[in-house]
Amino acid sequence: MQRLALALALALVAAPAFAFHCPADMSKIDAALDAGPKLSEADLARVRQLRAEGERLHAAGQHQQSVDTLAEALRILGIK
């Protein structure tokens, strides 16, 4: 029972951390897009799609999915 309580507590503490990570990643993507990255039109469209999807997921409270989606956009942009 104590392990279950601990696991639940950790899950509740971790959720806000993901929530704060999403806006930071979106800002990095926006800055890179504003700088005019040298990407193909297909990659640029994909980054924009992933950025929009990441924001939608963040707003829906699906922070891990948002972080994963935004990470793919950052990877395409070459941002670590």
N, C-alpha and C. Protein backbone atom coordinates (compact mmCIF):
# COMPACT_ATOMS: atom_id res chain seq x y z
N MET A 1 0.82 -1.19 0.00
CA MET A 1 0.00 0.00 0.00
C MET A 1 0.86 1.26 0.00
N GLN A 2 1.97 1.22 0.75
CA GLN A 2 2.86 2.36 0.80
C GLN A 2 3.51 2.60 -0.57
N ARG A 3 3.84 1.54 -1.28
CA ARG A 3 4.45 1.68 -2.61
C ARG A 3 3.47 2.32 -3.57
N LEU A 4 2.21 1.93 -3.48
CA LEU A 4 1.19 2.51 -4.35
C LEU A 4 1.03 4.00 -4.06
N ALA A 5 1.02 4.36 -2.80
CA ALA A 5 0.90 5.76 -2.41
C ALA A 5 2.11 6.56 -2.90
N LEU A 6 3.28 5.99 -2.79
CA LEU A 6 4.49 6.64 -3.25
C LEU A 6 4.46 6.83 -4.77
N ALA A 7 4.05 5.80 -5.48
CA ALA A 7 3.97 5.88 -6.95
C ALA A 7 2.97 6.95 -7.37
N LEU A 8 1.86 7.02 -6.71
CA LEU A 8 0.85 8.04 -7.02
C LEU A 8 1.39 9.44 -6.73
N ALA A 9 2.06 9.59 -5.63
CA ALA A 9 2.63 10.89 -5.28
C ALA A 9 3.66 11.33 -6.31
N LEU A 10 4.51 10.42 -6.72
CA LEU A 10 5.52 10.75 -7.73
C LEU A 10 4.87 11.12 -9.06
N ALA A 11 3.83 10.43 -9.44
CA ALA A 11 3.13 10.74 -10.69
C ALA A 11 2.52 12.14 -10.63
N LEU A 12 1.96 12.50 -9.49
CA LEU A 12 1.36 13.82 -9.35
C LEU A 12 2.40 14.93 -9.37
N VAL A 13 3.56 14.65 -8.84
CA VAL A 13 4.64 15.63 -8.82
C VAL A 13 5.24 15.77 -10.22
N ALA A 14 5.33 14.70 -10.97
CA ALA A 14 5.95 14.74 -12.29
C ALA A 14 5.09 15.44 -13.33
N ALA A 15 3.79 15.38 -13.22
CA ALA A 15 2.91 15.98 -14.23
C ALA A 15 3.16 17.47 -14.43
N PRO A 16 3.28 18.27 -13.37
CA PRO A 16 3.57 19.69 -13.59
C PRO A 16 4.93 19.93 -14.24
N ALA A 17 5.89 19.07 -14.00
CA ALA A 17 7.19 19.23 -14.64
C ALA A 17 7.07 19.12 -16.15
N PHE A 18 6.29 18.16 -16.62
CA PHE A 18 6.06 18.04 -18.05
C PHE A 18 5.31 19.26 -18.57
N ALA A 19 4.38 19.77 -17.79
CA ALA A 19 3.58 20.92 -18.21
C ALA A 19 4.46 22.13 -18.45
N PHE A 20 5.47 22.33 -17.62
CA PHE A 20 6.36 23.47 -17.79
C PHE A 20 7.36 23.25 -18.92
N HIS A 21 7.63 22.03 -19.25
CA HIS A 21 8.58 21.71 -20.32
C HIS A 21 8.01 22.05 -21.69
N CYS A 22 6.71 21.85 -21.87
CA CYS A 22 6.07 22.05 -23.17
C CYS A 22 6.23 23.49 -23.68
N PRO A 23 5.89 24.51 -22.88
CA PRO A 23 6.03 25.88 -23.38
C PRO A 23 7.47 26.24 -23.72
N ALA A 24 8.41 25.72 -22.97
CA ALA A 24 9.82 25.99 -23.27
C ALA A 24 10.19 25.40 -24.63
N ASP A 25 9.74 24.19 -24.91
CA ASP A 25 10.02 23.57 -26.20
C ASP A 25 9.33 24.33 -27.34
N MET A 26 8.09 24.77 -27.10
CA MET A 26 7.38 25.53 -28.12
C MET A 26 8.12 26.83 -28.42
N SER A 27 8.66 27.47 -27.40
CA SER A 27 9.42 28.71 -27.59
C SER A 27 10.68 28.47 -28.42
N LYS A 28 11.37 27.36 -28.14
CA LYS A 28 12.57 27.02 -28.93
C LYS A 28 12.21 26.81 -30.38
N ILE A 29 11.11 26.12 -30.63
CA ILE A 29 10.67 25.85 -32.01
C ILE A 29 10.30 27.16 -32.69
N ASP A 30 9.55 28.03 -31.99
CA ASP A 30 9.15 29.31 -32.57
C ASP A 30 10.37 30.16 -32.92
N ALA A 31 11.36 30.20 -32.04
CA ALA A 31 12.57 30.98 -32.30
C ALA A 31 13.31 30.44 -33.52
N ALA A 32 13.38 29.12 -33.63
CA ALA A 32 14.06 28.52 -34.78
C ALA A 32 13.30 28.82 -36.07
N LEU A 33 11.98 28.76 -36.02
CA LEU A 33 11.18 29.07 -37.21
C LEU A 33 11.32 30.53 -37.60
N ASP A 34 11.37 31.42 -36.62
CA ASP A 34 11.55 32.85 -36.89
C ASP A 34 12.91 33.15 -37.52
N ALA A 35 13.91 32.33 -37.19
CA ALA A 35 15.26 32.52 -37.72
C ALA A 35 15.38 32.03 -39.16
N GLY A 36 14.34 31.37 -39.67
CA GLY A 36 14.38 30.89 -41.06
C GLY A 36 15.31 29.70 -41.24
N PRO A 37 14.93 28.57 -40.67
CA PRO A 37 15.80 27.39 -40.77
C PRO A 37 15.93 26.92 -42.21
N LYS A 38 17.06 26.33 -42.52
CA LYS A 38 17.30 25.80 -43.85
C LYS A 38 16.79 24.37 -43.90
N LEU A 39 15.49 24.25 -44.13
CA LEU A 39 14.83 22.96 -44.21
C LEU A 39 14.08 22.87 -45.53
N SER A 40 13.84 21.67 -45.94
CA SER A 40 12.99 21.49 -47.12
C SER A 40 11.57 21.94 -46.77
N GLU A 41 10.78 22.21 -47.78
CA GLU A 41 9.39 22.61 -47.53
C GLU A 41 8.64 21.51 -46.77
N ALA A 42 8.94 20.24 -47.10
CA ALA A 42 8.28 19.12 -46.42
C ALA A 42 8.66 19.08 -44.94
N ASP A 43 9.94 19.28 -44.63
CA ASP A 43 10.38 19.27 -43.23
C ASP A 43 9.82 20.48 -42.48
N LEU A 44 9.79 21.62 -43.14
CA LEU A 44 9.24 22.81 -42.51
C LEU A 44 7.75 22.62 -42.19
N ALA A 45 7.02 22.05 -43.13
CA ALA A 45 5.60 21.77 -42.90
C ALA A 45 5.43 20.77 -41.75
N ARG A 46 6.29 19.77 -41.70
CA ARG A 46 6.21 18.77 -40.62
C ARG A 46 6.48 19.40 -39.27
N VAL A 47 7.48 20.28 -39.18
CA VAL A 47 7.80 20.96 -37.93
C VAL A 47 6.60 21.79 -37.48
N ARG A 48 5.99 22.52 -38.40
CA ARG A 48 4.83 23.34 -38.05
C ARG A 48 3.66 22.47 -37.57
N GLN A 49 3.48 21.33 -38.22
CA GLN A 49 2.41 20.41 -37.83
C GLN A 49 2.68 19.87 -36.42
N LEU A 50 3.91 19.44 -36.18
CA LEU A 50 4.27 18.90 -34.86
C LEU A 50 4.15 19.97 -33.78
N ARG A 51 4.53 21.19 -34.10
CA ARG A 51 4.44 22.31 -33.15
C ARG A 51 2.98 22.54 -32.76
N ALA A 52 2.09 22.57 -33.75
CA ALA A 52 0.67 22.77 -33.49
C ALA A 52 0.08 21.61 -32.69
N GLU A 53 0.47 20.40 -33.05
CA GLU A 53 -0.03 19.22 -32.33
C GLU A 53 0.47 19.22 -30.89
N GLY A 54 1.74 19.60 -30.69
CA GLY A 54 2.29 19.68 -29.34
C GLY A 54 1.54 20.68 -28.48
N GLU A 55 1.18 21.82 -29.07
CA GLU A 55 0.42 22.82 -28.32
C GLU A 55 -0.98 22.31 -27.98
N ARG A 56 -1.61 21.62 -28.94
CA ARG A 56 -2.94 21.06 -28.70
C ARG A 56 -2.90 20.04 -27.57
N LEU A 57 -1.90 19.17 -27.60
CA LEU A 57 -1.77 18.15 -26.57
C LEU A 57 -1.51 18.79 -25.20
N HIS A 58 -0.67 19.82 -25.18
CA HIS A 58 -0.38 20.52 -23.93
C HIS A 58 -1.65 21.12 -23.35
N ALA A 59 -2.44 21.78 -24.19
CA ALA A 59 -3.69 22.40 -23.74
C ALA A 59 -4.68 21.36 -23.23
N ALA A 60 -4.60 20.14 -23.79
CA ALA A 60 -5.50 19.07 -23.38
C ALA A 60 -4.99 18.34 -22.13
N GLY A 61 -3.84 18.76 -21.61
CA GLY A 61 -3.31 18.14 -20.41
C GLY A 61 -2.54 16.85 -20.67
N GLN A 62 -2.24 16.57 -21.92
CA GLN A 62 -1.50 15.35 -22.29
C GLN A 62 -0.03 15.72 -22.46
N HIS A 63 0.61 16.00 -21.34
CA HIS A 63 1.93 16.60 -21.38
C HIS A 63 3.03 15.67 -21.88
N GLN A 64 2.99 14.41 -21.53
CA GLN A 64 4.03 13.51 -22.03
C GLN A 64 3.95 13.39 -23.55
N GLN A 65 2.74 13.28 -24.07
CA GLN A 65 2.57 13.20 -25.52
C GLN A 65 3.01 14.50 -26.17
N SER A 66 2.74 15.63 -25.52
CA SER A 66 3.17 16.92 -26.04
C SER A 66 4.69 17.01 -26.07
N VAL A 67 5.33 16.61 -25.00
CA VAL A 67 6.80 16.63 -24.94
C VAL A 67 7.39 15.75 -26.04
N ASP A 68 6.83 14.57 -26.24
CA ASP A 68 7.32 13.66 -27.27
C ASP A 68 7.14 14.25 -28.66
N THR A 69 6.00 14.86 -28.91
CA THR A 69 5.71 15.46 -30.21
C THR A 69 6.62 16.64 -30.48
N LEU A 70 6.79 17.49 -29.49
CA LEU A 70 7.66 18.65 -29.65
C LEU A 70 9.12 18.22 -29.80
N ALA A 71 9.51 17.13 -29.16
CA ALA A 71 10.88 16.63 -29.29
C ALA A 71 11.17 16.22 -30.73
N GLU A 72 10.18 15.68 -31.42
CA GLU A 72 10.36 15.31 -32.83
C GLU A 72 10.59 16.56 -33.67
N ALA A 73 9.84 17.62 -33.41
CA ALA A 73 10.04 18.88 -34.14
C ALA A 73 11.43 19.44 -33.85
N LEU A 74 11.85 19.40 -32.61
CA LEU A 74 13.19 19.88 -32.26
C LEU A 74 14.27 19.06 -32.95
N ARG A 75 14.06 17.75 -33.06
CA ARG A 75 15.02 16.89 -33.73
C ARG A 75 15.16 17.28 -35.20
N ILE A 76 14.05 17.52 -35.87
CA ILE A 76 14.08 17.91 -37.28
C ILE A 76 14.83 19.24 -37.44
N LEU A 77 14.61 20.15 -36.47
CA LEU A 77 15.29 21.44 -36.53
C LEU A 77 16.76 21.36 -36.13
N GLY A 78 17.18 20.23 -35.58
CA GLY A 78 18.56 20.06 -35.15
C GLY A 78 18.86 20.70 -33.81
N ILE A 79 17.82 20.86 -32.98
CA ILE A 79 17.96 21.44 -31.66
C ILE A 79 17.93 20.33 -30.62
N LYS A 80 18.88 20.39 -29.69
CA LYS A 80 18.94 19.36 -28.64
C LYS A 80 18.32 19.86 -27.38
